[in-house]
Amino acid sequence: MQYTPALLSSASNHLQKIFNVEVRHTKSLEELLYQLSDVVHHLLQHDLPRLLHILYRVDVDERKVKEALTANSEEVIAERITRLIIKRELQKAQIRFRYSNN
């Protein structure tokens, strides 16, 4: 699915605040995934409580997170979790845009 630059920017900005990391301006979903995947992987290894707090704050479906945790490698787990986080943030950004234009 293609997202507008405004939606990607909104989601990126919000994720930057949540993760408290610098997220470079991204033009694609894959760039955002690549940037955040490393952060999620680091949290998975070194600060699981913080990652769980972020997942709760972003409101990622717990069943989907449990599914993601079944992967064989931490890299794949981090990528799957990152995809879930980004997908949820994009959904919220779409809602914000929809209701801010009314």
PDB file of N, CA and C in Angstrom:
ATOM      1  N   MET A   1       0.839  -1.184   0.000  1.00  0.00           N
ATOM      2  CA  MET A   1       0.000   0.000   0.000  1.00  0.00           C
ATOM      3  C   MET A   1       0.881   1.243   0.000  1.00  0.00           C
ATOM      4  N   GLN A   2       0.512   2.221  -0.788  1.00  0.00           N
ATOM      5  CA  GLN A   2       1.239   3.487  -0.852  1.00  0.00           C
ATOM      6  C   GLN A   2       0.626   4.483   0.117  1.00  0.00           C
ATOM      7  N   TYR A   3       1.496   5.191   0.809  1.00  0.00           N
ATOM      8  CA  TYR A   3       1.042   6.224   1.730  1.00  0.00           C
ATOM      9  C   TYR A   3       1.558   7.563   1.242  1.00  0.00           C
ATOM     10  N   THR A   4       0.786   8.600   1.485  1.00  0.00           N
ATOM     11  CA  THR A   4       1.202   9.936   1.069  1.00  0.00           C
ATOM     12  C   THR A   4       2.394  10.378   1.906  1.00  0.00           C
ATOM     13  N   PRO A   5       3.215  11.268   1.358  1.00  0.00           N
ATOM     14  CA  PRO A   5       4.344  11.793   2.136  1.00  0.00           C
ATOM     15  C   PRO A   5       3.898  12.437   3.449  1.00  0.00           C
ATOM     16  N   ALA A   6       2.730  13.071   3.452  1.00  0.00           N
ATOM     17  CA  ALA A   6       2.227  13.710   4.673  1.00  0.00           C
ATOM     18  C   ALA A   6       1.919  12.667   5.754  1.00  0.00           C
ATOM     19  N   LEU A   7       1.324  11.553   5.351  1.00  0.00           N
ATOM     20  CA  LEU A   7       1.032  10.487   6.311  1.00  0.00           C
ATOM     21  C   LEU A   7       2.311   9.873   6.859  1.00  0.00           C
ATOM     22  N   LEU A   8       3.256   9.581   5.953  1.00  0.00           N
ATOM     23  CA  LEU A   8       4.540   9.019   6.393  1.00  0.00           C
ATOM     24  C   LEU A   8       5.256   9.970   7.338  1.00  0.00           C
ATOM     25  N   SER A   9       5.227  11.242   7.014  1.00  0.00           N
ATOM     26  CA  SER A   9       5.890  12.241   7.846  1.00  0.00           C
ATOM     27  C   SER A   9       5.237  12.316   9.220  1.00  0.00           C
ATOM     28  N   SER A  10       3.924  12.306   9.255  1.00  0.00           N
ATOM     29  CA  SER A  10       3.198  12.361  10.517  1.00  0.00           C
ATOM     30  C   SER A  10       3.522  11.146  11.383  1.00  0.00           C
ATOM     31  N   ALA A  11       3.479   9.970  10.782  1.00  0.00           N
ATOM     32  CA  ALA A  11       3.792   8.746  11.527  1.00  0.00           C
ATOM     33  C   ALA A  11       5.242   8.752  11.995  1.00  0.00           C
ATOM     34  N   SER A  12       6.154   9.177  11.126  1.00  0.00           N
ATOM     35  CA  SER A  12       7.579   9.239  11.483  1.00  0.00           C
ATOM     36  C   SER A  12       7.813  10.175  12.656  1.00  0.00           C
ATOM     37  N   ASN A  13       7.188  11.345  12.608  1.00  0.00           N
ATOM     38  CA  ASN A  13       7.347  12.313  13.690  1.00  0.00           C
ATOM     39  C   ASN A  13       6.829  11.771  15.009  1.00  0.00           C
ATOM     40  N   HIS A  14       5.696  11.118  14.953  1.00  0.00           N
ATOM     41  CA  HIS A  14       5.124  10.563  16.175  1.00  0.00           C
ATOM     42  C   HIS A  14       5.992   9.430  16.717  1.00  0.00           C
ATOM     43  N   LEU A  15       6.478   8.573  15.843  1.00  0.00           N
ATOM     44  CA  LEU A  15       7.344   7.469  16.267  1.00  0.00           C
ATOM     45  C   LEU A  15       8.663   7.984  16.829  1.00  0.00           C
ATOM     46  N   GLN A  16       9.147   9.062  16.269  1.00  0.00           N
ATOM     47  CA  GLN A  16      10.379   9.677  16.774  1.00  0.00           C
ATOM     48  C   GLN A  16      10.191  10.095  18.235  1.00  0.00           C
ATOM     49  N   LYS A  17       9.044  10.672  18.542  1.00  0.00           N
ATOM     50  CA  LYS A  17       8.753  11.084  19.921  1.00  0.00           C
ATOM     51  C   LYS A  17       8.604   9.880  20.838  1.00  0.00           C
ATOM     52  N   ILE A  18       7.907   8.872  20.365  1.00  0.00           N
ATOM     53  CA  ILE A  18       7.668   7.684  21.187  1.00  0.00           C
ATOM     54  C   ILE A  18       8.969   6.949  21.504  1.00  0.00           C
ATOM     55  N   PHE A  19       9.803   6.760  20.490  1.00  0.00           N
ATOM     56  CA  PHE A  19      11.050   6.027  20.679  1.00  0.00           C
ATOM     57  C   PHE A  19      12.174   6.909  21.219  1.00  0.00           C
ATOM     58  N   ASN A  20      11.962   8.225  21.161  1.00  0.00           N
ATOM     59  CA  ASN A  20      12.978   9.176  21.597  1.00  0.00           C
ATOM     60  C   ASN A  20      14.293   8.969  20.832  1.00  0.00           C
ATOM     61  N   VAL A  21      14.154   8.848  19.504  1.00  0.00           N
ATOM     62  CA  VAL A  21      15.308   8.696  18.611  1.00  0.00           C
ATOM     63  C   VAL A  21      15.122   9.606  17.403  1.00  0.00           C
ATOM     64  N   GLU A  22      16.219   9.893  16.744  1.00  0.00           N
ATOM     65  CA  GLU A  22      16.185  10.692  15.523  1.00  0.00           C
ATOM     66  C   GLU A  22      15.778   9.789  14.359  1.00  0.00           C
ATOM     67  N   VAL A  23      14.715  10.164  13.674  1.00  0.00           N
ATOM     68  CA  VAL A  23      14.278   9.436  12.490  1.00  0.00           C
ATOM     69  C   VAL A  23      14.445  10.379  11.306  1.00  0.00           C
ATOM     70  N   ARG A  24      15.318   9.981  10.395  1.00  0.00           N
ATOM     71  CA  ARG A  24      15.519  10.810   9.207  1.00  0.00           C
ATOM     72  C   ARG A  24      14.245  10.864   8.379  1.00  0.00           C
ATOM     73  N   HIS A  25      14.067  11.979   7.668  1.00  0.00           N
ATOM     74  CA  HIS A  25      12.901  12.129   6.794  1.00  0.00           C
ATOM     75  C   HIS A  25      12.876  10.968   5.808  1.00  0.00           C
ATOM     76  N   THR A  26      11.778  10.270   5.766  1.00  0.00           N
ATOM     77  CA  THR A  26      11.674   9.102   4.892  1.00  0.00           C
ATOM     78  C   THR A  26      10.669   9.353   3.787  1.00  0.00           C
ATOM     79  N   LYS A  27      10.974   8.802   2.635  1.00  0.00           N
ATOM     80  CA  LYS A  27      10.071   8.926   1.497  1.00  0.00           C
ATOM     81  C   LYS A  27       9.318   7.634   1.235  1.00  0.00           C
ATOM     82  N   SER A  28       9.683   6.586   1.957  1.00  0.00           N
ATOM     83  CA  SER A  28       9.003   5.314   1.740  1.00  0.00           C
ATOM     84  C   SER A  28       8.833   4.562   3.055  1.00  0.00           C
ATOM     85  N   LEU A  29       7.899   3.670   3.015  1.00  0.00           N
ATOM     86  CA  LEU A  29       7.627   2.815   4.149  1.00  0.00           C
ATOM     87  C   LEU A  29       8.839   1.943   4.482  1.00  0.00           C
ATOM     88  N   GLU A  30       9.510   1.471   3.456  1.00  0.00           N
ATOM     89  CA  GLU A  30      10.679   0.609   3.662  1.00  0.00           C
ATOM     90  C   GLU A  30      11.821   1.350   4.363  1.00  0.00           C
ATOM     91  N   GLU A  31      12.016   2.628   4.041  1.00  0.00           N
ATOM     92  CA  GLU A  31      13.050   3.417   4.722  1.00  0.00           C
ATOM     93  C   GLU A  31      12.730   3.550   6.205  1.00  0.00           C
ATOM     94  N   LEU A  32      11.477   3.817   6.507  1.00  0.00           N
ATOM     95  CA  LEU A  32      11.056   3.940   7.893  1.00  0.00           C
ATOM     96  C   LEU A  32      11.223   2.607   8.615  1.00  0.00           C
ATOM     97  N   LEU A  33      10.841   1.534   7.960  1.00  0.00           N
ATOM     98  CA  LEU A  33      11.001   0.200   8.531  1.00  0.00           C
ATOM     99  C   LEU A  33      12.471  -0.082   8.836  1.00  0.00           C
ATOM    100  N   TYR A  34      13.339   0.228   7.893  1.00  0.00           N
ATOM    101  CA  TYR A  34      14.775  -0.014   8.062  1.00  0.00           C
ATOM    102  C   TYR A  34      15.324   0.759   9.269  1.00  0.00           C
ATOM    103  N   GLN A  35      14.930   2.023   9.397  1.00  0.00           N
ATOM    104  CA  GLN A  35      15.432   2.854  10.492  1.00  0.00           C
ATOM    105  C   GLN A  35      14.948   2.354  11.853  1.00  0.00           C
ATOM    106  N   LEU A  36      13.674   2.044  11.956  1.00  0.00           N
ATOM    107  CA  LEU A  36      13.123   1.660  13.253  1.00  0.00           C
ATOM    108  C   LEU A  36      13.424   0.216  13.638  1.00  0.00           C
ATOM    109  N   SER A  37      13.655  -0.617  12.662  1.00  0.00           N
ATOM    110  CA  SER A  37      13.938  -2.021  12.934  1.00  0.00           C
ATOM    111  C   SER A  37      15.173  -2.174  13.822  1.00  0.00           C
ATOM    112  N   ASP A  38      16.193  -1.384  13.573  1.00  0.00           N
ATOM    113  CA  ASP A  38      17.403  -1.441  14.396  1.00  0.00           C
ATOM    114  C   ASP A  38      17.107  -1.039  15.835  1.00  0.00           C
ATOM    115  N   VAL A  39      16.277  -0.022  15.998  1.00  0.00           N
ATOM    116  CA  VAL A  39      15.921   0.449  17.347  1.00  0.00           C
ATOM    117  C   VAL A  39      15.123  -0.630  18.073  1.00  0.00           C
ATOM    118  N   VAL A  40      14.156  -1.215  17.390  1.00  0.00           N
ATOM    119  CA  VAL A  40      13.338  -2.268  17.999  1.00  0.00           C
ATOM    120  C   VAL A  40      14.212  -3.467  18.349  1.00  0.00           C
ATOM    121  N   HIS A  41      15.130  -3.821  17.487  1.00  0.00           N
ATOM    122  CA  HIS A  41      16.029  -4.947  17.752  1.00  0.00           C
ATOM    123  C   HIS A  41      16.871  -4.672  19.002  1.00  0.00           C
ATOM    124  N   HIS A  42      17.383  -3.459  19.106  1.00  0.00           N
ATOM    125  CA  HIS A  42      18.171  -3.082  20.288  1.00  0.00           C
ATOM    126  C   HIS A  42      17.322  -3.192  21.563  1.00  0.00           C
ATOM    127  N   LEU A  43      16.095  -2.685  21.502  1.00  0.00           N
ATOM    128  CA  LEU A  43      15.213  -2.759  22.672  1.00  0.00           C
ATOM    129  C   LEU A  43      14.861  -4.199  23.009  1.00  0.00           C
ATOM    130  N   LEU A  44      14.676  -5.000  22.006  1.00  0.00           N
ATOM    131  CA  LEU A  44      14.363  -6.412  22.204  1.00  0.00           C
ATOM    132  C   LEU A  44      15.484  -7.098  22.986  1.00  0.00           C
ATOM    133  N   GLN A  45      16.714  -6.737  22.683  1.00  0.00           N
ATOM    134  CA  GLN A  45      17.868  -7.349  23.341  1.00  0.00           C
ATOM    135  C   GLN A  45      18.191  -6.732  24.699  1.00  0.00           C
ATOM    136  N   HIS A  46      17.996  -5.418  24.829  1.00  0.00           N
ATOM    137  CA  HIS A  46      18.532  -4.721  26.004  1.00  0.00           C
ATOM    138  C   HIS A  46      17.506  -4.050  26.912  1.00  0.00           C
ATOM    139  N   ASP A  47      16.303  -3.828  26.445  1.00  0.00           N
ATOM    140  CA  ASP A  47      15.316  -3.116  27.257  1.00  0.00           C
ATOM    141  C   ASP A  47      13.901  -3.554  26.884  1.00  0.00           C
ATOM    142  N   LEU A  48      13.614  -4.816  27.119  1.00  0.00           N
ATOM    143  CA  LEU A  48      12.307  -5.375  26.771  1.00  0.00           C
ATOM    144  C   LEU A  48      11.154  -4.646  27.470  1.00  0.00           C
ATOM    145  N   PRO A  49      11.273  -4.273  28.746  1.00  0.00           N
ATOM    146  CA  PRO A  49      10.166  -3.531  29.369  1.00  0.00           C
ATOM    147  C   PRO A  49       9.819  -2.231  28.625  1.00  0.00           C
ATOM    148  N   ARG A  50      10.840  -1.515  28.149  1.00  0.00           N
ATOM    149  CA  ARG A  50      10.573  -0.287  27.396  1.00  0.00           C
ATOM    150  C   ARG A  50       9.869  -0.599  26.079  1.00  0.00           C
ATOM    151  N   LEU A  51      10.309  -1.651  25.399  1.00  0.00           N
ATOM    152  CA  LEU A  51       9.660  -2.042  24.142  1.00  0.00           C
ATOM    153  C   LEU A  51       8.198  -2.405  24.394  1.00  0.00           C
ATOM    154  N   LEU A  52       7.939  -3.146  25.459  1.00  0.00           N
ATOM    155  CA  LEU A  52       6.561  -3.518  25.778  1.00  0.00           C
ATOM    156  C   LEU A  52       5.723  -2.281  26.102  1.00  0.00           C
ATOM    157  N   HIS A  53       6.319  -1.322  26.787  1.00  0.00           N
ATOM    158  CA  HIS A  53       5.619  -0.067  27.072  1.00  0.00           C
ATOM    159  C   HIS A  53       5.274   0.671  25.771  1.00  0.00           C
ATOM    160  N   ILE A  54       6.215   0.701  24.833  1.00  0.00           N
ATOM    161  CA  ILE A  54       5.978   1.354  23.541  1.00  0.00           C
ATOM    162  C   ILE A  54       4.850   0.646  22.786  1.00  0.00           C
ATOM    163  N   LEU A  55       4.878  -0.680  22.791  1.00  0.00           N
ATOM    164  CA  LEU A  55       3.821  -1.442  22.113  1.00  0.00           C
ATOM    165  C   LEU A  55       2.459  -1.134  22.729  1.00  0.00           C
ATOM    166  N   TYR A  56       2.421  -1.008  24.042  1.00  0.00           N
ATOM    167  CA  TYR A  56       1.180  -0.656  24.723  1.00  0.00           C
ATOM    168  C   TYR A  56       0.748   0.761  24.353  1.00  0.00           C
ATOM    169  N   ARG A  57       1.698   1.674  24.364  1.00  0.00           N
ATOM    170  CA  ARG A  57       1.408   3.076  24.065  1.00  0.00           C
ATOM    171  C   ARG A  57       0.904   3.263  22.631  1.00  0.00           C
ATOM    172  N   VAL A  58       1.526   2.545  21.705  1.00  0.00           N
ATOM    173  CA  VAL A  58       1.124   2.640  20.297  1.00  0.00           C
ATOM    174  C   VAL A  58      -0.204   1.904  20.070  1.00  0.00           C
ATOM    175  N   ASP A  59      -0.523   0.985  20.962  1.00  0.00           N
ATOM    176  CA  ASP A  59      -1.760   0.210  20.897  1.00  0.00           C
ATOM    177  C   ASP A  59      -1.696  -0.854  19.799  1.00  0.00           C
ATOM    178  N   VAL A  60      -0.600  -1.608  19.804  1.00  0.00           N
ATOM    179  CA  VAL A  60      -0.434  -2.710  18.860  1.00  0.00           C
ATOM    180  C   VAL A  60      -1.179  -3.920  19.421  1.00  0.00           C
ATOM    181  N   ASP A  61      -1.878  -4.619  18.555  1.00  0.00           N
ATOM    182  CA  ASP A  61      -2.656  -5.803  18.932  1.00  0.00           C
ATOM    183  C   ASP A  61      -1.739  -6.853  19.574  1.00  0.00           C
ATOM    184  N   GLU A  62      -2.065  -7.232  20.805  1.00  0.00           N
ATOM    185  CA  GLU A  62      -1.242  -8.177  21.567  1.00  0.00           C
ATOM    186  C   GLU A  62      -1.117  -9.529  20.869  1.00  0.00           C
ATOM    187  N   ARG A  63      -2.182  -9.989  20.245  1.00  0.00           N
ATOM    188  CA  ARG A  63      -2.126 -11.281  19.529  1.00  0.00           C
ATOM    189  C   ARG A  63      -1.124 -11.236  18.387  1.00  0.00           C
ATOM    190  N   LYS A  64      -1.081 -10.102  17.684  1.00  0.00           N
ATOM    191  CA  LYS A  64      -0.145  -9.966  16.573  1.00  0.00           C
ATOM    192  C   LYS A  64       1.296  -9.908  17.066  1.00  0.00           C
ATOM    193  N   VAL A  65       1.499  -9.302  18.221  1.00  0.00           N
ATOM    194  CA  VAL A  65       2.849  -9.258  18.800  1.00  0.00           C
ATOM    195  C   VAL A  65       3.281 -10.666  19.184  1.00  0.00           C
ATOM    196  N   LYS A  66       2.387 -11.411  19.801  1.00  0.00           N
ATOM    197  CA  LYS A  66       2.712 -12.798  20.173  1.00  0.00           C
ATOM    198  C   LYS A  66       3.043 -13.627  18.935  1.00  0.00           C
ATOM    199  N   GLU A  67       2.307 -13.394  17.854  1.00  0.00           N
ATOM    200  CA  GLU A  67       2.600 -14.067  16.587  1.00  0.00           C
ATOM    201  C   GLU A  67       3.996 -13.710  16.092  1.00  0.00           C
ATOM    202  N   ALA A  68       4.329 -12.419  16.162  1.00  0.00           N
ATOM    203  CA  ALA A  68       5.645 -11.945  15.701  1.00  0.00           C
ATOM    204  C   ALA A  68       6.769 -12.567  16.507  1.00  0.00           C
ATOM    205  N   LEU A  69       6.521 -12.819  17.777  1.00  0.00           N
ATOM    206  CA  LEU A  69       7.553 -13.376  18.655  1.00  0.00           C
ATOM    207  C   LEU A  69       7.860 -14.843  18.378  1.00  0.00           C
ATOM    208  N   THR A  70       7.100 -15.469  17.491  1.00  0.00           N
ATOM    209  CA  THR A  70       7.327 -16.885  17.192  1.00  0.00           C
ATOM    210  C   THR A  70       8.394 -17.100  16.114  1.00  0.00           C
ATOM    211  N   ALA A  71       8.922 -16.034  15.559  1.00  0.00           N
ATOM    212  CA  ALA A  71       9.940 -16.163  14.505  1.00  0.00           C
ATOM    213  C   ALA A  71      11.211 -16.793  15.071  1.00  0.00           C
ATOM    214  N   ASN A  72      12.034 -17.317  14.178  1.00  0.00           N
ATOM    215  CA  ASN A  72      13.244 -18.026  14.585  1.00  0.00           C
ATOM    216  C   ASN A  72      14.400 -17.125  14.979  1.00  0.00           C
ATOM    217  N   SER A  73      14.449 -15.909  14.469  1.00  0.00           N
ATOM    218  CA  SER A  73      15.587 -15.040  14.782  1.00  0.00           C
ATOM    219  C   SER A  73      15.115 -13.706  15.334  1.00  0.00           C
ATOM    220  N   GLU A  74      15.963 -13.087  16.135  1.00  0.00           N
ATOM    221  CA  GLU A  74      15.628 -11.785  16.714  1.00  0.00           C
ATOM    222  C   GLU A  74      15.460 -10.722  15.641  1.00  0.00           C
ATOM    223  N   GLU A  75      16.224 -10.823  14.559  1.00  0.00           N
ATOM    224  CA  GLU A  75      16.116  -9.845  13.481  1.00  0.00           C
ATOM    225  C   GLU A  75      14.729  -9.891  12.843  1.00  0.00           C
ATOM    226  N   VAL A  76      14.231 -11.102  12.629  1.00  0.00           N
ATOM    227  CA  VAL A  76      12.909 -11.266  12.028  1.00  0.00           C
ATOM    228  C   VAL A  76      11.828 -10.802  13.010  1.00  0.00           C
ATOM    229  N   ILE A  77      12.008 -11.126  14.278  1.00  0.00           N
ATOM    230  CA  ILE A  77      11.062 -10.667  15.302  1.00  0.00           C
ATOM    231  C   ILE A  77      11.023  -9.145  15.312  1.00  0.00           C
ATOM    232  N   ALA A  78      12.204  -8.509  15.310  1.00  0.00           N
ATOM    233  CA  ALA A  78      12.282  -7.042  15.333  1.00  0.00           C
ATOM    234  C   ALA A  78      11.607  -6.447  14.107  1.00  0.00           C
ATOM    235  N   GLU A  79      11.827  -7.045  12.945  1.00  0.00           N
ATOM    236  CA  GLU A  79      11.206  -6.529  11.722  1.00  0.00           C
ATOM    237  C   GLU A  79       9.686  -6.666  11.786  1.00  0.00           C
ATOM    238  N   ARG A  80       9.214  -7.804  12.247  1.00  0.00           N
ATOM    239  CA  ARG A  80       7.758  -8.019  12.333  1.00  0.00           C
ATOM    240  C   ARG A  80       7.109  -7.038  13.318  1.00  0.00           C
ATOM    241  N   ILE A  81       7.742  -6.854  14.468  1.00  0.00           N
ATOM    242  CA  ILE A  81       7.210  -5.929  15.466  1.00  0.00           C
ATOM    243  C   ILE A  81       7.234  -4.503  14.923  1.00  0.00           C
ATOM    244  N   THR A  82       8.312  -4.157  14.237  1.00  0.00           N
ATOM    245  CA  THR A  82       8.410  -2.820  13.654  1.00  0.00           C
ATOM    246  C   THR A  82       7.298  -2.594  12.641  1.00  0.00           C
ATOM    247  N   ARG A  83       7.024  -3.578  11.817  1.00  0.00           N
ATOM    248  CA  ARG A  83       5.928  -3.469  10.847  1.00  0.00           C
ATOM    249  C   ARG A  83       4.587  -3.237  11.550  1.00  0.00           C
ATOM    250  N   LEU A  84       4.369  -3.948  12.651  1.00  0.00           N
ATOM    251  CA  LEU A  84       3.125  -3.770  13.400  1.00  0.00           C
ATOM    252  C   LEU A  84       3.019  -2.356  13.976  1.00  0.00           C
ATOM    253  N   ILE A  85       4.118  -1.859  14.509  1.00  0.00           N
ATOM    254  CA  ILE A  85       4.143  -0.512  15.090  1.00  0.00           C
ATOM    255  C   ILE A  85       3.865   0.533  14.007  1.00  0.00           C
ATOM    256  N   ILE A  86       4.564   0.418  12.887  1.00  0.00           N
ATOM    257  CA  ILE A  86       4.396   1.386  11.802  1.00  0.00           C
ATOM    258  C   ILE A  86       2.975   1.333  11.242  1.00  0.00           C
ATOM    259  N   LYS A  87       2.466   0.122  11.051  1.00  0.00           N
ATOM    260  CA  LYS A  87       1.108  -0.022  10.521  1.00  0.00           C
ATOM    261  C   LYS A  87       0.103   0.668  11.435  1.00  0.00           C
ATOM    262  N   ARG A  88       0.241   0.468  12.741  1.00  0.00           N
ATOM    263  CA  ARG A  88      -0.694   1.080  13.691  1.00  0.00           C
ATOM    264  C   ARG A  88      -0.557   2.597  13.686  1.00  0.00           C
ATOM    265  N   GLU A  89       0.678   3.100  13.632  1.00  0.00           N
ATOM    266  CA  GLU A  89       0.888   4.552  13.608  1.00  0.00           C
ATOM    267  C   GLU A  89       0.330   5.174  12.336  1.00  0.00           C
ATOM    268  N   LEU A  90       0.443   4.478  11.221  1.00  0.00           N
ATOM    269  CA  LEU A  90      -0.125   4.985   9.968  1.00  0.00           C
ATOM    270  C   LEU A  90      -1.649   5.014  10.040  1.00  0.00           C
ATOM    271  N   GLN A  91      -2.242   4.012  10.674  1.00  0.00           N
ATOM    272  CA  GLN A  91      -3.694   4.013  10.856  1.00  0.00           C
ATOM    273  C   GLN A  91      -4.123   5.227  11.671  1.00  0.00           C
ATOM    274  N   LYS A  92      -3.389   5.488  12.744  1.00  0.00           N
ATOM    275  CA  LYS A  92      -3.727   6.635  13.595  1.00  0.00           C
ATOM    276  C   LYS A  92      -3.507   7.951  12.853  1.00  0.00           C
ATOM    277  N   ALA A  93      -2.455   8.021  12.033  1.00  0.00           N
ATOM    278  CA  ALA A  93      -2.194   9.238  11.249  1.00  0.00           C
ATOM    279  C   ALA A  93      -3.327   9.472  10.251  1.00  0.00           C
ATOM    280  N   GLN A  94      -3.821   8.405   9.620  1.00  0.00           N
ATOM    281  CA  GLN A  94      -4.940   8.540   8.688  1.00  0.00           C
ATOM    282  C   GLN A  94      -6.167   9.092   9.398  1.00  0.00           C
ATOM    283  N   ILE A  95      -6.426   8.610  10.590  1.00  0.00           N
ATOM    284  CA  ILE A  95      -7.568   9.096  11.356  1.00  0.00           C
ATOM    285  C   ILE A  95      -7.391  10.568  11.708  1.00  0.00           C
ATOM    286  N   ARG A  96      -6.181  10.943  12.142  1.00  0.00           N
ATOM    287  CA  ARG A  96      -5.919  12.353  12.470  1.00  0.00           C
ATOM    288  C   ARG A  96      -6.151  13.242  11.254  1.00  0.00           C
ATOM    289  N   PHE A  97      -5.661  12.820  10.079  1.00  0.00           N
ATOM    290  CA  PHE A  97      -5.840  13.613   8.858  1.00  0.00           C
ATOM    291  C   PHE A  97      -7.311  13.686   8.462  1.00  0.00           C
ATOM    292  N   ARG A  98      -8.002  12.587   8.581  1.00  0.00           N
ATOM    293  CA  ARG A  98      -9.416  12.545   8.195  1.00  0.00           C
ATOM    294  C   ARG A  98     -10.232  13.531   9.026  1.00  0.00           C
ATOM    295  N   TYR A  99      -9.983  13.556  10.327  1.00  0.00           N
ATOM    296  CA  TYR A  99     -10.799  14.394  11.194  1.00  0.00           C
ATOM    297  C   TYR A  99     -10.284  15.820  11.322  1.00  0.00           C
ATOM    298  N   SER A 100      -9.042  16.058  10.953  1.00  0.00           N
ATOM    299  CA  SER A 100      -8.544  17.436  10.994  1.00  0.00           C
ATOM    300  C   SER A 100      -8.990  18.224   9.759  1.00  0.00           C
ATOM    301  N   ASN A 101      -9.396  17.520   8.711  1.00  0.00           N
ATOM    302  CA  ASN A 101      -9.846  18.177   7.481  1.00  0.00           C
ATOM    303  C   ASN A 101     -11.351  18.397   7.446  1.00  0.00           C
ATOM    304  N   ASN A 102     -12.044  17.974   8.479  1.00  0.00           N
ATOM    305  CA  ASN A 102     -13.518  18.155   8.522  1.00  0.00           C
ATOM    306  C   ASN A 102     -13.878  19.382   9.295  1.00  0.00           C
TER     307      ASN A 102
END
